[in-house]
Amino acid sequence: MKTIGLRKRFEGIVVSDKMDKTVIVAVDRLVKHRQYKKYVRRTSKFAAHDEQNRCAVGDRVVIIESRPLSRTKRWRVLDIVSKAV
């Protein structure tokens, strides 16, 4: 992958590909609970632009921050890490 400035990058799994040129990517992260000091899994969903409609449900992808492309899309699919089995 090539470096593109200081833009944020996340790796996640495609959970929906029903729209044209758009996929929904679920990104998991671990957050430490303030009181109990236990790590809790948090999931965020991002709408990402997929120009060639190459992504399918279950694919692991890298998304990168971009300019607003629509009301909800602010991310682009940079690379497909692994295809779904």
Protein backbone atom coordinates (compact mmCIF):
# COMPACT_ATOMS: atom_id res chain seq x y z
CA MET A 1 0.00 0.00 0.00
CA LYS A 2 1.21 3.47 -0.73
CA THR A 3 1.24 6.24 1.85
CA ILE A 4 -1.35 8.96 1.31
CA GLY A 5 -0.65 11.85 3.69
CA LEU A 6 -1.97 11.80 7.23
CA ARG A 7 -5.36 10.28 6.45
CA LYS A 8 -6.91 7.78 8.84
CA ARG A 9 -6.92 4.11 7.85
CA PHE A 10 -8.97 1.29 9.27
CA GLU A 11 -9.15 -2.41 8.54
CA GLY A 12 -12.54 -4.07 8.75
CA ILE A 13 -14.96 -6.60 7.32
CA VAL A 14 -17.57 -5.85 4.66
CA VAL A 15 -21.03 -6.50 6.14
CA SER A 16 -23.18 -5.18 3.26
CA ASP A 17 -22.67 -4.70 -0.49
CA LYS A 18 -26.28 -4.13 -1.56
CA MET A 19 -25.74 -0.58 -2.81
CA ASP A 20 -24.11 0.43 -6.09
CA LYS A 21 -20.44 1.44 -5.60
CA THR A 22 -20.87 1.47 -1.81
CA VAL A 23 -20.05 -1.06 0.89
CA ILE A 24 -20.62 -0.99 4.65
CA VAL A 25 -17.47 -1.89 6.59
CA ALA A 26 -17.55 -2.92 10.27
CA VAL A 27 -14.41 -1.94 12.18
CA ASP A 28 -13.71 -3.51 15.59
CA ARG A 29 -11.58 -1.90 18.28
CA LEU A 30 -10.78 -2.69 21.91
CA VAL A 31 -11.51 -0.03 24.55
CA LYS A 32 -10.49 -0.27 28.18
CA HIS A 33 -13.44 0.15 30.57
CA ARG A 34 -12.82 3.02 33.00
CA GLN A 35 -14.10 1.38 36.15
CA TYR A 36 -13.51 -2.34 35.59
CA LYS A 37 -10.26 -2.07 33.59
CA LYS A 38 -11.52 -4.78 31.25
CA TYR A 39 -11.18 -4.51 27.49
CA VAL A 40 -14.52 -4.24 25.68
CA ARG A 41 -15.01 -4.74 21.96
CA ARG A 42 -16.62 -1.80 20.14
CA THR A 43 -17.81 -1.92 16.53
CA SER A 44 -18.28 1.05 14.21
CA LYS A 45 -19.80 0.88 10.74
CA PHE A 46 -18.56 3.07 7.89
CA ALA A 47 -19.99 3.57 4.40
CA ALA A 48 -17.09 3.31 1.94
CA HIS A 49 -16.85 3.99 -1.80
CA ASP A 50 -16.02 0.94 -3.95
CA GLU A 51 -15.68 2.21 -7.53
CA GLN A 52 -15.43 -1.17 -9.33
CA ASN A 53 -17.87 -3.05 -7.04
CA ARG A 54 -15.10 -5.57 -6.26
CA CYS A 55 -15.96 -6.12 -2.58
CA ALA A 56 -18.32 -8.82 -1.35
CA VAL A 57 -19.75 -9.60 2.07
CA GLY A 58 -17.09 -11.14 4.30
CA ASP A 59 -14.07 -9.54 2.60
CA ARG A 60 -11.42 -7.97 4.85
CA VAL A 61 -10.62 -4.49 3.46
CA VAL A 62 -8.59 -1.38 4.26
CA ILE A 63 -10.52 1.90 4.09
CA ILE A 64 -9.05 5.40 4.00
CA GLU A 65 -10.48 8.79 4.85
CA SER A 66 -11.55 10.96 1.91
CA ARG A 67 -13.58 14.02 1.02
CA PRO A 68 -17.36 13.76 1.44
CA LEU A 69 -18.71 11.71 -1.47
CA SER A 70 -22.36 11.71 -0.35
CA ARG A 71 -24.39 12.32 2.79
CA THR A 72 -22.92 9.30 4.58
CA LYS A 73 -19.80 8.35 2.58
CA ARG A 74 -16.50 9.81 3.82
CA TRP A 75 -14.32 6.73 3.22
CA ARG A 76 -12.88 4.87 0.22
CA VAL A 77 -11.84 1.24 -0.12
CA LEU A 78 -8.06 1.31 -0.52
CA ASP A 79 -7.26 -2.40 -0.70
CA ILE A 80 -8.82 -5.83 -0.31
CA VAL A 81 -6.68 -7.73 2.22
CA SER A 82 -8.45 -11.09 1.83
CA LYS A 83 -11.49 -12.34 -0.02
CA ALA A 84 -14.35 -14.16 1.71
CA VAL A 85 -14.25 -17.94 1.58
